[in-house]
Amino acid sequence: MRNPPHPGRILRRRVLPGLGLSVTEFAAHLGMSRNAVSRVLNEHAAISPDFAVRLEGGGIGEARHWLTMQTNYDLARAASRDENHIRRFAAA
């Protein structure tokens, strides 16, 4: 995927509405602060391994899947930055 979505967007748009929970209820169910969950849902923070494990424990996908989505998002953002000033190493 060229521009993968932030996993928080998927949680916000697909998972929460399907569960019928508020952010506060969702956070409480996962045993997390509302602020920490809100930061991920609003794409201001990454899904951590701890968050991913809690999602899996709650029956919301597999932790590795959430972390893979986060990694793909992070890699796409890093690749989109202008890094033309970095030269390739010469072969040894």
C-alpha atoms as a PDB file:
ATOM      1  CA  MET A   1       0.000   0.000   0.000  1.00  0.00           C
ATOM      2  CA  ARG A   2       1.489   3.311  -1.034  1.00  0.00           C
ATOM      3  CA  ASN A   3       0.021   5.485   1.734  1.00  0.00           C
ATOM      4  CA  PRO A   4      -1.079   3.136   4.492  1.00  0.00           C
ATOM      5  CA  PRO A   5      -3.445   4.632   7.059  1.00  0.00           C
ATOM      6  CA  HIS A   6      -2.461   5.214  10.645  1.00  0.00           C
ATOM      7  CA  PRO A   7      -3.844   2.304  12.680  1.00  0.00           C
ATOM      8  CA  GLY A   8      -5.554   4.805  14.971  1.00  0.00           C
ATOM      9  CA  ARG A   9      -7.698   5.891  12.038  1.00  0.00           C
ATOM     10  CA  ILE A  10      -8.853   2.311  11.556  1.00  0.00           C
ATOM     11  CA  LEU A  11      -9.682   2.003  15.231  1.00  0.00           C
ATOM     12  CA  ARG A  12     -11.530   5.340  15.215  1.00  0.00           C
ATOM     13  CA  ARG A  13     -13.510   4.790  12.012  1.00  0.00           C
ATOM     14  CA  ARG A  14     -14.182   1.054  12.037  1.00  0.00           C
ATOM     15  CA  VAL A  15     -13.597  -0.546  15.411  1.00  0.00           C
ATOM     16  CA  LEU A  16     -15.113   1.937  17.872  1.00  0.00           C
ATOM     17  CA  PRO A  17     -18.359   2.415  15.926  1.00  0.00           C
ATOM     18  CA  GLY A  18     -18.711  -1.367  15.628  1.00  0.00           C
ATOM     19  CA  LEU A  19     -18.292  -1.779  19.363  1.00  0.00           C
ATOM     20  CA  GLY A  20     -20.648   1.085  20.171  1.00  0.00           C
ATOM     21  CA  LEU A  21     -18.225   2.431  22.780  1.00  0.00           C
ATOM     22  CA  SER A  22     -17.067   5.930  23.598  1.00  0.00           C
ATOM     23  CA  VAL A  23     -13.350   6.650  23.759  1.00  0.00           C
ATOM     24  CA  THR A  24     -13.599   6.708  27.555  1.00  0.00           C
ATOM     25  CA  GLU A  25     -15.329   3.317  27.658  1.00  0.00           C
ATOM     26  CA  PHE A  26     -12.884   1.838  25.157  1.00  0.00           C
ATOM     27  CA  ALA A  27      -9.899   3.094  27.174  1.00  0.00           C
ATOM     28  CA  ALA A  28     -11.346   1.756  30.427  1.00  0.00           C
ATOM     29  CA  HIS A  29     -11.975  -1.645  28.848  1.00  0.00           C
ATOM     30  CA  LEU A  30      -8.330  -1.790  27.725  1.00  0.00           C
ATOM     31  CA  GLY A  31      -7.080  -0.574  31.115  1.00  0.00           C
ATOM     32  CA  MET A  32      -5.526   2.543  29.602  1.00  0.00           C
ATOM     33  CA  SER A  33      -5.925   6.254  30.138  1.00  0.00           C
ATOM     34  CA  ARG A  34      -8.380   8.087  27.923  1.00  0.00           C
ATOM     35  CA  ASN A  35      -5.610  10.483  26.921  1.00  0.00           C
ATOM     36  CA  ALA A  36      -3.282   7.699  25.716  1.00  0.00           C
ATOM     37  CA  VAL A  37      -6.031   6.064  23.664  1.00  0.00           C
ATOM     38  CA  SER A  38      -7.243   9.395  22.290  1.00  0.00           C
ATOM     39  CA  ARG A  39      -3.730  10.285  21.100  1.00  0.00           C
ATOM     40  CA  VAL A  40      -3.580   7.059  19.070  1.00  0.00           C
ATOM     41  CA  LEU A  41      -7.127   7.402  17.736  1.00  0.00           C
ATOM     42  CA  ASN A  42      -6.393  10.956  16.592  1.00  0.00           C
ATOM     43  CA  GLU A  43      -3.120   9.880  14.956  1.00  0.00           C
ATOM     44  CA  HIS A  44      -0.905  11.877  17.324  1.00  0.00           C
ATOM     45  CA  ALA A  45       0.808   8.784  18.759  1.00  0.00           C
ATOM     46  CA  ALA A  46       1.849   5.372  17.513  1.00  0.00           C
ATOM     47  CA  ILE A  47       0.361   2.085  18.611  1.00  0.00           C
ATOM     48  CA  SER A  48       2.848   0.670  21.098  1.00  0.00           C
ATOM     49  CA  PRO A  49       3.477  -3.033  21.649  1.00  0.00           C
ATOM     50  CA  ASP A  50       1.602  -2.704  24.960  1.00  0.00           C
ATOM     51  CA  PHE A  51      -1.419  -1.138  23.240  1.00  0.00           C
ATOM     52  CA  ALA A  52      -1.322  -3.838  20.546  1.00  0.00           C
ATOM     53  CA  VAL A  53      -1.260  -6.619  23.148  1.00  0.00           C
ATOM     54  CA  ARG A  54      -4.204  -5.022  24.945  1.00  0.00           C
ATOM     55  CA  LEU A  55      -6.159  -4.859  21.679  1.00  0.00           C
ATOM     56  CA  GLU A  56      -5.454  -8.535  21.070  1.00  0.00           C
ATOM     57  CA  GLY A  57      -6.494  -9.365  24.626  1.00  0.00           C
ATOM     58  CA  GLY A  58      -9.751  -7.528  23.991  1.00  0.00           C
ATOM     59  CA  GLY A  59     -10.395  -9.598  20.874  1.00  0.00           C
ATOM     60  CA  ILE A  60      -9.575  -6.825  18.409  1.00  0.00           C
ATOM     61  CA  GLY A  61      -7.188  -8.455  15.970  1.00  0.00           C
ATOM     62  CA  GLU A  62      -3.691  -9.725  16.596  1.00  0.00           C
ATOM     63  CA  ALA A  63      -0.980  -7.621  18.207  1.00  0.00           C
ATOM     64  CA  ARG A  64       1.445  -8.359  15.359  1.00  0.00           C
ATOM     65  CA  HIS A  65      -1.106  -7.133  12.831  1.00  0.00           C
ATOM     66  CA  TRP A  66      -1.514  -3.790  14.625  1.00  0.00           C
ATOM     67  CA  LEU A  67       2.248  -3.375  14.953  1.00  0.00           C
ATOM     68  CA  THR A  68       2.765  -4.256  11.289  1.00  0.00           C
ATOM     69  CA  MET A  69       0.232  -1.592  10.314  1.00  0.00           C
ATOM     70  CA  GLN A  70       2.055   0.936  12.504  1.00  0.00           C
ATOM     71  CA  THR A  71       5.420  -0.017  10.998  1.00  0.00           C
ATOM     72  CA  ASN A  72       4.065   0.255   7.450  1.00  0.00           C
ATOM     73  CA  TYR A  73       2.650   3.692   8.254  1.00  0.00           C
ATOM     74  CA  ASP A  74       5.937   4.832   9.812  1.00  0.00           C
ATOM     75  CA  LEU A  75       8.017   3.506   6.894  1.00  0.00           C
ATOM     76  CA  ALA A  76       5.793   5.215   4.321  1.00  0.00           C
ATOM     77  CA  ARG A  77       6.150   8.522   6.164  1.00  0.00           C
ATOM     78  CA  ALA A  78       9.922   8.143   6.443  1.00  0.00           C
ATOM     79  CA  ALA A  79      10.259   7.243   2.754  1.00  0.00           C
ATOM     80  CA  SER A  80       8.204  10.255   1.703  1.00  0.00           C
ATOM     81  CA  ARG A  81      10.629  12.698   3.302  1.00  0.00           C
ATOM     82  CA  ASP A  82      13.196  14.291   1.030  1.00  0.00           C
ATOM     83  CA  GLU A  83      16.386  12.404   1.784  1.00  0.00           C
ATOM     84  CA  ASN A  84      18.248  13.174  -1.462  1.00  0.00           C
ATOM     85  CA  HIS A  85      21.229  14.492   0.473  1.00  0.00           C
ATOM     86  CA  ILE A  86      22.116  10.955   1.576  1.00  0.00           C
ATOM     87  CA  ARG A  87      24.596   9.333  -0.775  1.00  0.00           C
ATOM     88  CA  ARG A  88      24.882   5.595  -1.235  1.00  0.00           C
ATOM     89  CA  PHE A  89      27.915   3.840   0.221  1.00  0.00           C
ATOM     90  CA  ALA A  90      30.494   2.550  -2.212  1.00  0.00           C
ATOM     91  CA  ALA A  91      30.687  -1.231  -2.444  1.00  0.00           C
ATOM     92  CA  ALA A  92      33.547  -2.649  -0.401  1.00  0.00           C
END
